[in-house]
């Protein structure tokens, strides 16, 4: 929901949500471990989700004149 709320905030609009029961193959919880990536490429992502989404929405609107 944090992801959707970040998109709503960046767009200045509320989404229409249609909640459905869990579907076959849905994972109730997921976790990303980027430790090996950070070690291999010497890069640590540090952009907060809300900032990254806002940056993308701003770029998209500018690029597509939307």
N, C-alpha and C. Protein backbone atom coordinates (compact mmCIF):
# COMPACT_ATOMS: atom_id res chain seq x y z
N UNK A 1 0.82 -1.19 0.00
CA UNK A 1 0.00 0.00 0.00
C UNK A 1 0.87 1.26 0.00
N UNK A 2 2.05 1.17 0.60
CA UNK A 2 2.96 2.32 0.61
C UNK A 2 3.33 2.72 -0.81
N UNK A 3 3.55 1.73 -1.68
CA UNK A 3 3.89 1.98 -3.08
C UNK A 3 2.75 2.71 -3.77
N UNK A 4 1.54 2.22 -3.60
CA UNK A 4 0.37 2.85 -4.23
C UNK A 4 0.15 4.25 -3.67
N UNK A 5 0.28 4.42 -2.37
CA UNK A 5 0.12 5.73 -1.77
C UNK A 5 1.17 6.72 -2.29
N UNK A 6 2.38 6.24 -2.54
CA UNK A 6 3.43 7.10 -3.09
C UNK A 6 3.08 7.55 -4.50
N UNK A 7 2.53 6.65 -5.31
CA UNK A 7 2.10 7.01 -6.67
C UNK A 7 0.95 8.02 -6.59
N UNK A 8 -0.02 7.77 -5.73
CA UNK A 8 -1.14 8.69 -5.57
C UNK A 8 -0.64 10.08 -5.18
N UNK A 9 0.28 10.14 -4.26
CA UNK A 9 0.83 11.41 -3.81
C UNK A 9 1.54 12.14 -4.94
N UNK A 10 2.34 11.41 -5.71
CA UNK A 10 3.10 12.02 -6.81
C UNK A 10 2.16 12.54 -7.90
N UNK A 11 1.06 11.83 -8.12
CA UNK A 11 0.12 12.23 -9.16
C UNK A 11 -0.92 13.24 -8.67
N UNK A 12 -1.06 13.33 -7.35
CA UNK A 12 -2.08 14.22 -6.79
C UNK A 12 -3.48 13.69 -7.04
N UNK A 13 -3.61 12.36 -7.14
CA UNK A 13 -4.91 11.72 -7.38
C UNK A 13 -5.02 10.47 -6.54
N UNK A 14 -6.24 10.14 -6.17
CA UNK A 14 -6.50 8.89 -5.46
C UNK A 14 -6.84 7.82 -6.49
N UNK A 15 -6.35 6.62 -6.26
CA UNK A 15 -6.65 5.52 -7.16
C UNK A 15 -7.94 4.83 -6.73
N UNK A 16 -8.56 4.17 -7.68
CA UNK A 16 -9.72 3.34 -7.37
C UNK A 16 -9.19 1.94 -7.16
N UNK A 17 -9.33 1.45 -5.96
CA UNK A 17 -8.77 0.15 -5.61
C UNK A 17 -9.86 -0.91 -5.65
N UNK A 18 -9.52 -2.06 -6.20
CA UNK A 18 -10.43 -3.19 -6.26
C UNK A 18 -9.74 -4.36 -5.56
N UNK A 19 -10.00 -4.51 -4.28
CA UNK A 19 -9.33 -5.55 -3.50
C UNK A 19 -9.93 -6.92 -3.82
N UNK A 20 -9.05 -7.87 -4.08
CA UNK A 20 -9.45 -9.23 -4.38
C UNK A 20 -8.77 -10.17 -3.40
N UNK A 21 -9.32 -11.37 -3.22
CA UNK A 21 -8.64 -12.33 -2.36
C UNK A 21 -7.29 -12.74 -2.98
N UNK A 22 -6.43 -13.30 -2.16
CA UNK A 22 -5.15 -13.80 -2.65
C UNK A 22 -5.39 -14.75 -3.81
N UNK A 23 -4.57 -14.60 -4.85
CA UNK A 23 -4.68 -15.46 -6.03
C UNK A 23 -3.63 -16.56 -5.95
N UNK A 24 -3.85 -17.63 -6.69
CA UNK A 24 -2.88 -18.72 -6.72
C UNK A 24 -1.53 -18.17 -7.15
N UNK A 25 -0.51 -18.47 -6.40
CA UNK A 25 0.83 -18.00 -6.74
C UNK A 25 1.21 -16.69 -6.07
N UNK A 26 0.26 -15.97 -5.46
CA UNK A 26 0.58 -14.73 -4.76
C UNK A 26 1.43 -15.03 -3.53
N UNK A 27 2.43 -14.20 -3.29
CA UNK A 27 3.27 -14.34 -2.11
C UNK A 27 2.76 -13.37 -1.05
N UNK A 28 2.41 -13.86 0.14
CA UNK A 28 1.87 -12.96 1.16
C UNK A 28 2.90 -11.95 1.66
N UNK A 29 4.16 -12.30 1.63
CA UNK A 29 5.23 -11.42 2.08
C UNK A 29 6.46 -11.68 1.23
N UNK A 30 7.17 -10.62 0.88
CA UNK A 30 8.43 -10.78 0.15
C UNK A 30 9.50 -9.92 0.80
N UNK A 31 10.74 -10.31 0.61
CA UNK A 31 11.87 -9.56 1.14
C UNK A 31 12.96 -9.52 0.08
N UNK A 32 13.61 -8.39 -0.06
CA UNK A 32 14.74 -8.29 -0.98
C UNK A 32 16.01 -8.13 -0.17
N UNK A 33 17.00 -8.95 -0.50
CA UNK A 33 18.30 -8.83 0.13
C UNK A 33 19.30 -8.44 -0.95
N UNK A 34 19.73 -7.18 -0.93
CA UNK A 34 20.62 -6.66 -1.96
C UNK A 34 22.08 -6.60 -1.47
N UNK A 35 22.36 -7.28 -0.38
CA UNK A 35 23.71 -7.26 0.20
C UNK A 35 24.77 -7.72 -0.79
N UNK A 36 24.53 -8.84 -1.48
CA UNK A 36 25.52 -9.34 -2.46
C UNK A 36 25.72 -8.35 -3.59
N UNK A 37 24.65 -7.73 -4.06
CA UNK A 37 24.75 -6.73 -5.12
C UNK A 37 25.59 -5.54 -4.66
N UNK A 38 25.35 -5.09 -3.44
CA UNK A 38 26.13 -3.96 -2.91
C UNK A 38 27.61 -4.29 -2.85
N UNK A 39 27.92 -5.51 -2.47
CA UNK A 39 29.32 -5.94 -2.39
C UNK A 39 29.92 -6.07 -3.78
N UNK A 40 29.20 -6.70 -4.72
CA UNK A 40 29.72 -6.97 -6.06
C UNK A 40 29.95 -5.70 -6.88
N UNK A 41 29.06 -4.74 -6.79
CA UNK A 41 29.16 -3.55 -7.65
C UNK A 41 29.49 -2.29 -6.87
N UNK A 42 29.69 -2.43 -5.56
CA UNK A 42 30.04 -1.29 -4.71
C UNK A 42 29.03 -0.15 -4.85
N UNK A 43 27.76 -0.50 -4.78
CA UNK A 43 26.69 0.49 -4.87
C UNK A 43 25.63 0.17 -3.84
N UNK A 44 25.20 1.19 -3.11
CA UNK A 44 24.14 1.01 -2.12
C UNK A 44 23.01 1.96 -2.47
N UNK A 45 21.85 1.42 -2.88
CA UNK A 45 20.72 2.29 -3.19
C UNK A 45 20.30 3.06 -1.94
N UNK A 46 20.04 4.36 -2.11
CA UNK A 46 19.65 5.14 -0.93
C UNK A 46 18.53 6.13 -1.22
N UNK A 47 17.86 5.98 -2.36
CA UNK A 47 16.74 6.86 -2.68
C UNK A 47 15.48 6.30 -2.03
N UNK A 48 14.84 7.06 -1.17
CA UNK A 48 13.58 6.59 -0.59
C UNK A 48 12.53 6.36 -1.69
N UNK A 49 11.67 5.38 -1.47
CA UNK A 49 10.65 5.00 -2.45
C UNK A 49 9.85 6.21 -2.92
N UNK A 50 9.36 7.00 -1.98
CA UNK A 50 8.52 8.14 -2.34
C UNK A 50 9.27 9.13 -3.22
N UNK A 51 10.54 9.38 -2.95
CA UNK A 51 11.34 10.29 -3.77
C UNK A 51 11.56 9.73 -5.17
N UNK A 52 11.85 8.43 -5.26
CA UNK A 52 12.07 7.80 -6.55
C UNK A 52 10.83 7.83 -7.43
N UNK A 53 9.68 7.57 -6.83
CA UNK A 53 8.42 7.62 -7.59
C UNK A 53 8.14 9.04 -8.04
N UNK A 54 8.33 10.00 -7.15
CA UNK A 54 8.11 11.41 -7.50
C UNK A 54 9.04 11.81 -8.66
N UNK A 55 10.29 11.43 -8.60
CA UNK A 55 11.24 11.74 -9.68
C UNK A 55 10.80 11.11 -11.00
N UNK A 56 10.33 9.86 -10.94
CA UNK A 56 9.90 9.19 -12.16
C UNK A 56 8.67 9.87 -12.75
N UNK A 57 7.69 10.19 -11.91
CA UNK A 57 6.48 10.85 -12.39
C UNK A 57 6.82 12.20 -13.01
N UNK A 58 7.70 12.96 -12.36
CA UNK A 58 8.11 14.25 -12.92
C UNK A 58 8.80 14.07 -14.28
N UNK A 59 9.71 13.08 -14.36
CA UNK A 59 10.40 12.82 -15.63
C UNK A 59 9.40 12.42 -16.71
N UNK A 60 8.49 11.51 -16.38
CA UNK A 60 7.51 11.00 -17.34
C UNK A 60 6.65 12.13 -17.89
N UNK A 61 6.16 12.97 -17.00
CA UNK A 61 5.31 14.08 -17.43
C UNK A 61 6.08 15.04 -18.34
N UNK A 62 7.33 15.29 -18.01
CA UNK A 62 8.14 16.17 -18.85
C UNK A 62 8.46 15.52 -20.19
N UNK A 63 8.89 14.28 -20.15
CA UNK A 63 9.32 13.57 -21.37
C UNK A 63 8.15 13.39 -22.36
N UNK A 64 6.97 13.04 -21.84
CA UNK A 64 5.82 12.80 -22.70
C UNK A 64 4.87 14.00 -22.77
N UNK A 65 5.31 15.11 -22.21
CA UNK A 65 4.51 16.35 -22.22
C UNK A 65 3.09 16.06 -21.71
N UNK A 66 3.04 15.32 -20.63
CA UNK A 66 1.74 14.92 -20.07
C UNK A 66 1.31 15.84 -18.95
